[in-house]
Amino acid sequence: MQLTPPGSGCSIAIGTVIVDTPPGTARLQMVVADADGARADFAGRGLDVGDVEDLEWGRFTGFADPDGDTWAIQPLPVRA
């Protein structure tokens, strides 16, 4: 299965034929426009998502999917 967010040039491919890693071992990253907004949206949909952390190299939040794979969520950093 392939999931492509609206307007995105990037897709997420999932499934037993496409991905050969065992469930719970994938470490994925998703770039969003706004970490706080994404966290609020995910939490509002019932997802157990962590607090937004302000780190030296960016802002992050994250969650684990039903298989135990972890997702790091971050806004695209502003570049000079």
PDB file of N, CA and C in Angstrom:
ATOM      1  N   MET A   1       0.846  -1.164   0.000  1.00  0.00           N
ATOM      2  CA  MET A   1       0.000   0.000   0.000  1.00  0.00           C
ATOM      3  C   MET A   1       0.895   1.232   0.000  1.00  0.00           C
ATOM      4  N   GLN A   2       0.472   2.239  -0.682  1.00  0.00           N
ATOM      5  CA  GLN A   2       1.212   3.493  -0.746  1.00  0.00           C
ATOM      6  C   GLN A   2       0.295   4.627  -0.317  1.00  0.00           C
ATOM      7  N   LEU A   3       0.768   5.449   0.594  1.00  0.00           N
ATOM      8  CA  LEU A   3       0.021   6.603   1.085  1.00  0.00           C
ATOM      9  C   LEU A   3       0.741   7.864   0.653  1.00  0.00           C
ATOM     10  N   THR A   4       0.040   8.756  -0.025  1.00  0.00           N
ATOM     11  CA  THR A   4       0.627  10.019  -0.462  1.00  0.00           C
ATOM     12  C   THR A   4      -0.214  11.164   0.085  1.00  0.00           C
ATOM     13  N   PRO A   5       0.330  11.949   1.021  1.00  0.00           N
ATOM     14  CA  PRO A   5      -0.421  13.090   1.548  1.00  0.00           C
ATOM     15  C   PRO A   5      -0.780  14.074   0.434  1.00  0.00           C
ATOM     16  N   PRO A   6      -1.922  14.737   0.541  1.00  0.00           N
ATOM     17  CA  PRO A   6      -2.324  15.706  -0.483  1.00  0.00           C
ATOM     18  C   PRO A   6      -1.234  16.756  -0.726  1.00  0.00           C
ATOM     19  N   GLY A   7      -0.903  16.984  -1.980  1.00  0.00           N
ATOM     20  CA  GLY A   7       0.083  17.990  -2.352  1.00  0.00           C
ATOM     21  C   GLY A   7       1.523  17.572  -2.143  1.00  0.00           C
ATOM     22  N   SER A   8       1.753  16.344  -1.686  1.00  0.00           N
ATOM     23  CA  SER A   8       3.107  15.902  -1.381  1.00  0.00           C
ATOM     24  C   SER A   8       3.773  15.269  -2.597  1.00  0.00           C
ATOM     25  N   GLY A   9       5.072  15.423  -2.681  1.00  0.00           N
ATOM     26  CA  GLY A   9       5.856  14.746  -3.691  1.00  0.00           C
ATOM     27  C   GLY A   9       6.495  13.492  -3.131  1.00  0.00           C
ATOM     28  N   CYS A  10       6.040  13.081  -1.949  1.00  0.00           N
ATOM     29  CA  CYS A  10       6.636  11.961  -1.228  1.00  0.00           C
ATOM     30  C   CYS A  10       5.523  11.022  -0.773  1.00  0.00           C
ATOM     31  N   SER A  11       5.807   9.730  -0.777  1.00  0.00           N
ATOM     32  CA  SER A  11       4.821   8.741  -0.344  1.00  0.00           C
ATOM     33  C   SER A  11       5.395   7.871   0.759  1.00  0.00           C
ATOM     34  N   ILE A  12       4.504   7.251   1.497  1.00  0.00           N
ATOM     35  CA  ILE A  12       4.869   6.265   2.510  1.00  0.00           C
ATOM     36  C   ILE A  12       4.383   4.922   1.985  1.00  0.00           C
ATOM     37  N   ALA A  13       5.291   3.968   1.852  1.00  0.00           N
ATOM     38  CA  ALA A  13       4.930   2.640   1.366  1.00  0.00           C
ATOM     39  C   ALA A  13       4.912   1.683   2.550  1.00  0.00           C
ATOM     40  N   ILE A  14       3.815   0.948   2.698  1.00  0.00           N
ATOM     41  CA  ILE A  14       3.700  -0.028   3.782  1.00  0.00           C
ATOM     42  C   ILE A  14       3.168  -1.335   3.209  1.00  0.00           C
ATOM     43  N   GLY A  15       3.457  -2.407   3.870  1.00  0.00           N
ATOM     44  CA  GLY A  15       2.933  -3.702   3.454  1.00  0.00           C
ATOM     45  C   GLY A  15       4.001  -4.773   3.486  1.00  0.00           C
ATOM     46  N   THR A  16       3.576  -6.018   3.530  1.00  0.00           N
ATOM     47  CA  THR A  16       4.519  -7.131   3.637  1.00  0.00           C
ATOM     48  C   THR A  16       5.309  -7.367   2.361  1.00  0.00           C
ATOM     49  N   VAL A  17       4.806  -6.966   1.225  1.00  0.00           N
ATOM     50  CA  VAL A  17       5.527  -7.170  -0.033  1.00  0.00           C
ATOM     51  C   VAL A  17       6.543  -6.056  -0.272  1.00  0.00           C
ATOM     52  N   ILE A  18       6.265  -4.856   0.229  1.00  0.00           N
ATOM     53  CA  ILE A  18       7.101  -3.692  -0.034  1.00  0.00           C
ATOM     54  C   ILE A  18       8.224  -3.550   0.991  1.00  0.00           C
ATOM     55  N   VAL A  19       7.919  -3.760   2.246  1.00  0.00           N
ATOM     56  CA  VAL A  19       8.869  -3.540   3.338  1.00  0.00           C
ATOM     57  C   VAL A  19       9.220  -4.884   3.963  1.00  0.00           C
ATOM     58  N   ASP A  20      10.508  -5.147   4.147  1.00  0.00           N
ATOM     59  CA  ASP A  20      10.899  -6.443   4.688  1.00  0.00           C
ATOM     60  C   ASP A  20      11.408  -6.385   6.126  1.00  0.00           C
ATOM     61  N   THR A  21      11.227  -5.270   6.799  1.00  0.00           N
ATOM     62  CA  THR A  21      11.636  -5.170   8.201  1.00  0.00           C
ATOM     63  C   THR A  21      10.510  -5.679   9.094  1.00  0.00           C
ATOM     64  N   PRO A  22      10.849  -6.295  10.213  1.00  0.00           N
ATOM     65  CA  PRO A  22       9.806  -6.788  11.121  1.00  0.00           C
ATOM     66  C   PRO A  22       9.014  -5.622  11.725  1.00  0.00           C
ATOM     67  N   PRO A  23       7.730  -5.830  11.997  1.00  0.00           N
ATOM     68  CA  PRO A  23       6.935  -4.783  12.648  1.00  0.00           C
ATOM     69  C   PRO A  23       7.607  -4.334  13.952  1.00  0.00           C
ATOM     70  N   GLY A  24       7.552  -3.039  14.198  1.00  0.00           N
ATOM     71  CA  GLY A  24       8.115  -2.484  15.424  1.00  0.00           C
ATOM     72  C   GLY A  24       9.567  -2.084  15.326  1.00  0.00           C
ATOM     73  N   THR A  25      10.187  -2.244  14.154  1.00  0.00           N
ATOM     74  CA  THR A  25      11.606  -1.907  14.026  1.00  0.00           C
ATOM     75  C   THR A  25      11.868  -0.681  13.165  1.00  0.00           C
ATOM     76  N   ALA A  26      10.852  -0.185  12.470  1.00  0.00           N
ATOM     77  CA  ALA A  26      11.060   0.974  11.595  1.00  0.00           C
ATOM     78  C   ALA A  26      11.129   2.261  12.412  1.00  0.00           C
ATOM     79  N   ARG A  27      12.025   3.144  12.014  1.00  0.00           N
ATOM     80  CA  ARG A  27      12.169   4.478  12.599  1.00  0.00           C
ATOM     81  C   ARG A  27      11.910   5.451  11.467  1.00  0.00           C
ATOM     82  N   LEU A  28      10.796   6.152  11.533  1.00  0.00           N
ATOM     83  CA  LEU A  28      10.343   6.994  10.436  1.00  0.00           C
ATOM     84  C   LEU A  28      10.325   8.448  10.852  1.00  0.00           C
ATOM     85  N   GLN A  29      10.431   9.338   9.895  1.00  0.00           N
ATOM     86  CA  GLN A  29      10.400  10.770  10.158  1.00  0.00           C
ATOM     87  C   GLN A  29       9.413  11.424   9.208  1.00  0.00           C
ATOM     88  N   MET A  30       8.610  12.329   9.750  1.00  0.00           N
ATOM     89  CA  MET A  30       7.620  13.057   8.955  1.00  0.00           C
ATOM     90  C   MET A  30       7.857  14.546   9.150  1.00  0.00           C
ATOM     91  N   VAL A  31       7.920  15.280   8.052  1.00  0.00           N
ATOM     92  CA  VAL A  31       8.101  16.725   8.100  1.00  0.00           C
ATOM     93  C   VAL A  31       6.739  17.385   7.954  1.00  0.00           C
ATOM     94  N   VAL A  32       6.455  18.333   8.840  1.00  0.00           N
ATOM     95  CA  VAL A  32       5.182  19.053   8.849  1.00  0.00           C
ATOM     96  C   VAL A  32       5.466  20.553   8.857  1.00  0.00           C
ATOM     97  N   ALA A  33       4.452  21.337   8.590  1.00  0.00           N
ATOM     98  CA  ALA A  33       4.623  22.794   8.606  1.00  0.00           C
ATOM     99  C   ALA A  33       4.718  23.329  10.025  1.00  0.00           C
ATOM    100  N   ASP A  34       4.021  22.695  10.970  1.00  0.00           N
ATOM    101  CA  ASP A  34       3.912  23.225  12.330  1.00  0.00           C
ATOM    102  C   ASP A  34       3.847  22.069  13.320  1.00  0.00           C
ATOM    103  N   ALA A  35       4.871  21.910  14.153  1.00  0.00           N
ATOM    104  CA  ALA A  35       4.927  20.804  15.108  1.00  0.00           C
ATOM    105  C   ALA A  35       3.786  20.876  16.119  1.00  0.00           C
ATOM    106  N   ASP A  36       3.495  22.068  16.625  1.00  0.00           N
ATOM    107  CA  ASP A  36       2.416  22.200  17.613  1.00  0.00           C
ATOM    108  C   ASP A  36       1.060  21.881  16.991  1.00  0.00           C
ATOM    109  N   GLY A  37       0.839  22.358  15.775  1.00  0.00           N
ATOM    110  CA  GLY A  37      -0.413  22.090  15.080  1.00  0.00           C
ATOM    111  C   GLY A  37      -0.570  20.608  14.764  1.00  0.00           C
ATOM    112  N   ALA A  38       0.517  19.967  14.320  1.00  0.00           N
ATOM    113  CA  ALA A  38       0.469  18.533  14.024  1.00  0.00           C
ATOM    114  C   ALA A  38       0.199  17.747  15.295  1.00  0.00           C
ATOM    115  N   ARG A  39       0.866  18.115  16.395  1.00  0.00           N
ATOM    116  CA  ARG A  39       0.646  17.413  17.655  1.00  0.00           C
ATOM    117  C   ARG A  39      -0.812  17.534  18.084  1.00  0.00           C
ATOM    118  N   ALA A  40      -1.362  18.755  18.002  1.00  0.00           N
ATOM    119  CA  ALA A  40      -2.760  18.971  18.384  1.00  0.00           C
ATOM    120  C   ALA A  40      -3.703  18.151  17.510  1.00  0.00           C
ATOM    121  N   ASP A  41      -3.416  18.095  16.211  1.00  0.00           N
ATOM    122  CA  ASP A  41      -4.251  17.327  15.293  1.00  0.00           C
ATOM    123  C   ASP A  41      -4.192  15.839  15.623  1.00  0.00           C
ATOM    124  N   PHE A  42      -2.992  15.314  15.806  1.00  0.00           N
ATOM    125  CA  PHE A  42      -2.844  13.891  16.130  1.00  0.00           C
ATOM    126  C   PHE A  42      -3.515  13.564  17.460  1.00  0.00           C
ATOM    127  N   ALA A  43      -3.276  14.385  18.469  1.00  0.00           N
ATOM    128  CA  ALA A  43      -3.882  14.137  19.787  1.00  0.00           C
ATOM    129  C   ALA A  43      -5.405  14.217  19.702  1.00  0.00           C
ATOM    130  N   GLY A  44      -5.921  15.153  18.911  1.00  0.00           N
ATOM    131  CA  GLY A  44      -7.356  15.289  18.737  1.00  0.00           C
ATOM    132  C   GLY A  44      -7.999  14.089  18.070  1.00  0.00           C
ATOM    133  N   ARG A  45      -7.190  13.313  17.360  1.00  0.00           N
ATOM    134  CA  ARG A  45      -7.686  12.094  16.700  1.00  0.00           C
ATOM    135  C   ARG A  45      -7.470  10.862  17.569  1.00  0.00           C
ATOM    136  N   GLY A  46      -7.010  11.089  18.811  1.00  0.00           N
ATOM    137  CA  GLY A  46      -6.853   9.992  19.753  1.00  0.00           C
ATOM    138  C   GLY A  46      -5.488   9.339  19.766  1.00  0.00           C
ATOM    139  N   LEU A  47      -4.525   9.906  19.048  1.00  0.00           N
ATOM    140  CA  LEU A  47      -3.184   9.336  19.009  1.00  0.00           C
ATOM    141  C   LEU A  47      -2.417   9.730  20.266  1.00  0.00           C
ATOM    142  N   ASP A  48      -1.683   8.792  20.839  1.00  0.00           N
ATOM    143  CA  ASP A  48      -0.849   9.067  22.005  1.00  0.00           C
ATOM    144  C   ASP A  48       0.469   9.650  21.507  1.00  0.00           C
ATOM    145  N   VAL A  49       0.491  10.972  21.365  1.00  0.00           N
ATOM    146  CA  VAL A  49       1.645  11.670  20.805  1.00  0.00           C
ATOM    147  C   VAL A  49       2.359  12.428  21.913  1.00  0.00           C
ATOM    148  N   GLY A  50       3.675  12.470  21.850  1.00  0.00           N
ATOM    149  CA  GLY A  50       4.461  13.138  22.884  1.00  0.00           C
ATOM    150  C   GLY A  50       4.378  14.650  22.798  1.00  0.00           C
ATOM    151  N   ASP A  51       4.897  15.298  23.841  1.00  0.00           N
ATOM    152  CA  ASP A  51       4.984  16.752  23.842  1.00  0.00           C
ATOM    153  C   ASP A  51       5.979  17.209  22.783  1.00  0.00           C
ATOM    154  N   VAL A  52       5.829  18.436  22.324  1.00  0.00           N
ATOM    155  CA  VAL A  52       6.798  19.007  21.384  1.00  0.00           C
ATOM    156  C   VAL A  52       8.044  19.393  22.181  1.00  0.00           C
ATOM    157  N   GLU A  53       9.184  18.923  21.731  1.00  0.00           N
ATOM    158  CA  GLU A  53      10.450  19.238  22.378  1.00  0.00           C
ATOM    159  C   GLU A  53      11.221  20.245  21.536  1.00  0.00           C
ATOM    160  N   ASP A  54      11.735  21.273  22.184  1.00  0.00           N
ATOM    161  CA  ASP A  54      12.594  22.254  21.526  1.00  0.00           C
ATOM    162  C   ASP A  54      14.036  21.839  21.762  1.00  0.00           C
ATOM    163  N   LEU A  55      14.672  21.377  20.701  1.00  0.00           N
ATOM    164  CA  LEU A  55      16.059  20.945  20.784  1.00  0.00           C
ATOM    165  C   LEU A  55      16.934  21.909  19.998  1.00  0.00           C
ATOM    166  N   GLU A  56      18.209  21.838  20.206  1.00  0.00           N
ATOM    167  CA  GLU A  56      19.148  22.739  19.549  1.00  0.00           C
ATOM    168  C   GLU A  56      19.045  22.673  18.028  1.00  0.00           C
ATOM    169  N   TRP A  57      18.726  21.488  17.507  1.00  0.00           N
ATOM    170  CA  TRP A  57      18.690  21.283  16.057  1.00  0.00           C
ATOM    171  C   TRP A  57      17.282  21.245  15.478  1.00  0.00           C
ATOM    172  N   GLY A  58      16.270  21.517  16.306  1.00  0.00           N
ATOM    173  CA  GLY A  58      14.906  21.561  15.780  1.00  0.00           C
ATOM    174  C   GLY A  58      13.850  21.244  16.824  1.00  0.00           C
ATOM    175  N   ARG A  59      12.613  21.270  16.384  1.00  0.00           N
ATOM    176  CA  ARG A  59      11.469  20.967  17.252  1.00  0.00           C
ATOM    177  C   ARG A  59      10.911  19.616  16.824  1.00  0.00           C
ATOM    178  N   PHE A  60      10.632  18.751  17.795  1.00  0.00           N
ATOM    179  CA  PHE A  60      10.189  17.404  17.491  1.00  0.00           C
ATOM    180  C   PHE A  60       9.054  16.962  18.404  1.00  0.00           C
ATOM    181  N   THR A  61       8.220  16.111  17.886  1.00  0.00           N
ATOM    182  CA  THR A  61       7.271  15.333  18.667  1.00  0.00           C
ATOM    183  C   THR A  61       7.273  13.950  18.037  1.00  0.00           C
ATOM    184  N   GLY A  62       6.534  13.034  18.576  1.00  0.00           N
ATOM    185  CA  GLY A  62       6.533  11.710  17.977  1.00  0.00           C
ATOM    186  C   GLY A  62       5.503  10.788  18.584  1.00  0.00           C
ATOM    187  N   PHE A  63       5.394   9.626  17.972  1.00  0.00           N
ATOM    188  CA  PHE A  63       4.449   8.615  18.438  1.00  0.00           C
ATOM    189  C   PHE A  63       4.899   7.250  17.927  1.00  0.00           C
ATOM    190  N   ALA A  64       4.294   6.203  18.449  1.00  0.00           N
ATOM    191  CA  ALA A  64       4.494   4.846  17.949  1.00  0.00           C
ATOM    192  C   ALA A  64       3.195   4.406  17.286  1.00  0.00           C
ATOM    193  N   ASP A  65       3.313   3.758  16.135  1.00  0.00           N
ATOM    194  CA  ASP A  65       2.113   3.271  15.453  1.00  0.00           C
ATOM    195  C   ASP A  65       1.687   1.930  16.069  1.00  0.00           C
ATOM    196  N   PRO A  66       0.564   1.372  15.628  1.00  0.00           N
ATOM    197  CA  PRO A  66       0.074   0.128  16.245  1.00  0.00           C
ATOM    198  C   PRO A  66       1.050  -1.045  16.171  1.00  0.00           C
ATOM    199  N   ASP A  67       1.969  -1.034  15.198  1.00  0.00           N
ATOM    200  CA  ASP A  67       2.969  -2.100  15.105  1.00  0.00           C
ATOM    201  C   ASP A  67       4.175  -1.845  16.007  1.00  0.00           C
ATOM    202  N   GLY A  68       4.253  -0.644  16.603  1.00  0.00           N
ATOM    203  CA  GLY A  68       5.393  -0.303  17.442  1.00  0.00           C
ATOM    204  C   GLY A  68       6.498   0.439  16.716  1.00  0.00           C
ATOM    205  N   ASP A  69       6.292   0.734  15.429  1.00  0.00           N
ATOM    206  CA  ASP A  69       7.257   1.560  14.715  1.00  0.00           C
ATOM    207  C   ASP A  69       7.174   2.979  15.262  1.00  0.00           C
ATOM    208  N   THR A  70       8.300   3.673  15.333  1.00  0.00           N
ATOM    209  CA  THR A  70       8.285   5.027  15.890  1.00  0.00           C
ATOM    210  C   THR A  70       8.386   6.072  14.790  1.00  0.00           C
ATOM    211  N   TRP A  71       7.654   7.141  14.999  1.00  0.00           N
ATOM    212  CA  TRP A  71       7.595   8.262  14.060  1.00  0.00           C
ATOM    213  C   TRP A  71       8.077   9.518  14.764  1.00  0.00           C
ATOM    214  N   ALA A  72       9.082  10.183  14.197  1.00  0.00           N
ATOM    215  CA  ALA A  72       9.532  11.491  14.675  1.00  0.00           C
ATOM    216  C   ALA A  72       8.883  12.531  13.754  1.00  0.00           C
ATOM    217  N   ILE A  73       8.259  13.527  14.350  1.00  0.00           N
ATOM    218  CA  ILE A  73       7.571  14.571  13.605  1.00  0.00           C
ATOM    219  C   ILE A  73       8.313  15.869  13.829  1.00  0.00           C
ATOM    220  N   GLN A  74       8.676  16.568  12.755  1.00  0.00           N
ATOM    221  CA  GLN A  74       9.380  17.829  12.882  1.00  0.00           C
ATOM    222  C   GLN A  74       8.983  18.789  11.775  1.00  0.00           C
ATOM    223  N   PRO A  75       8.974  20.085  12.075  1.00  0.00           N
ATOM    224  CA  PRO A  75       8.780  21.059  11.001  1.00  0.00           C
ATOM    225  C   PRO A  75      10.078  21.197  10.220  1.00  0.00           C
ATOM    226  N   LEU A  76       9.962  21.534   8.951  1.00  0.00           N
ATOM    227  CA  LEU A  76      11.138  21.777   8.139  1.00  0.00           C
ATOM    228  C   LEU A  76      11.836  23.022   8.681  1.00  0.00           C
ATOM    229  N   PRO A  77      13.105  22.914   9.033  1.00  0.00           N
ATOM    230  CA  PRO A  77      13.798  24.085   9.609  1.00  0.00           C
ATOM    231  C   PRO A  77      13.913  25.225   8.595  1.00  0.00           C
ATOM    232  N   VAL A  78      13.855  26.435   9.109  1.00  0.00           N
ATOM    233  CA  VAL A  78      14.055  27.609   8.262  1.00  0.00           C
ATOM    234  C   VAL A  78      15.535  27.696   7.949  1.00  0.00           C
ATOM    235  N   ARG A  79      15.845  27.818   6.690  1.00  0.00           N
ATOM    236  CA  ARG A  79      17.258  27.894   6.278  1.00  0.00           C
ATOM    237  C   ARG A  79      17.561  29.282   5.757  1.00  0.00           C
ATOM    238  N   ALA A  80      18.719  29.777   6.122  1.00  0.00           N
ATOM    239  CA  ALA A  80      19.125  31.118   5.698  1.00  0.00           C
ATOM    240  C   ALA A  80      19.473  31.154   4.235  1.00  0.00           C
TER     241      ALA A  80
END
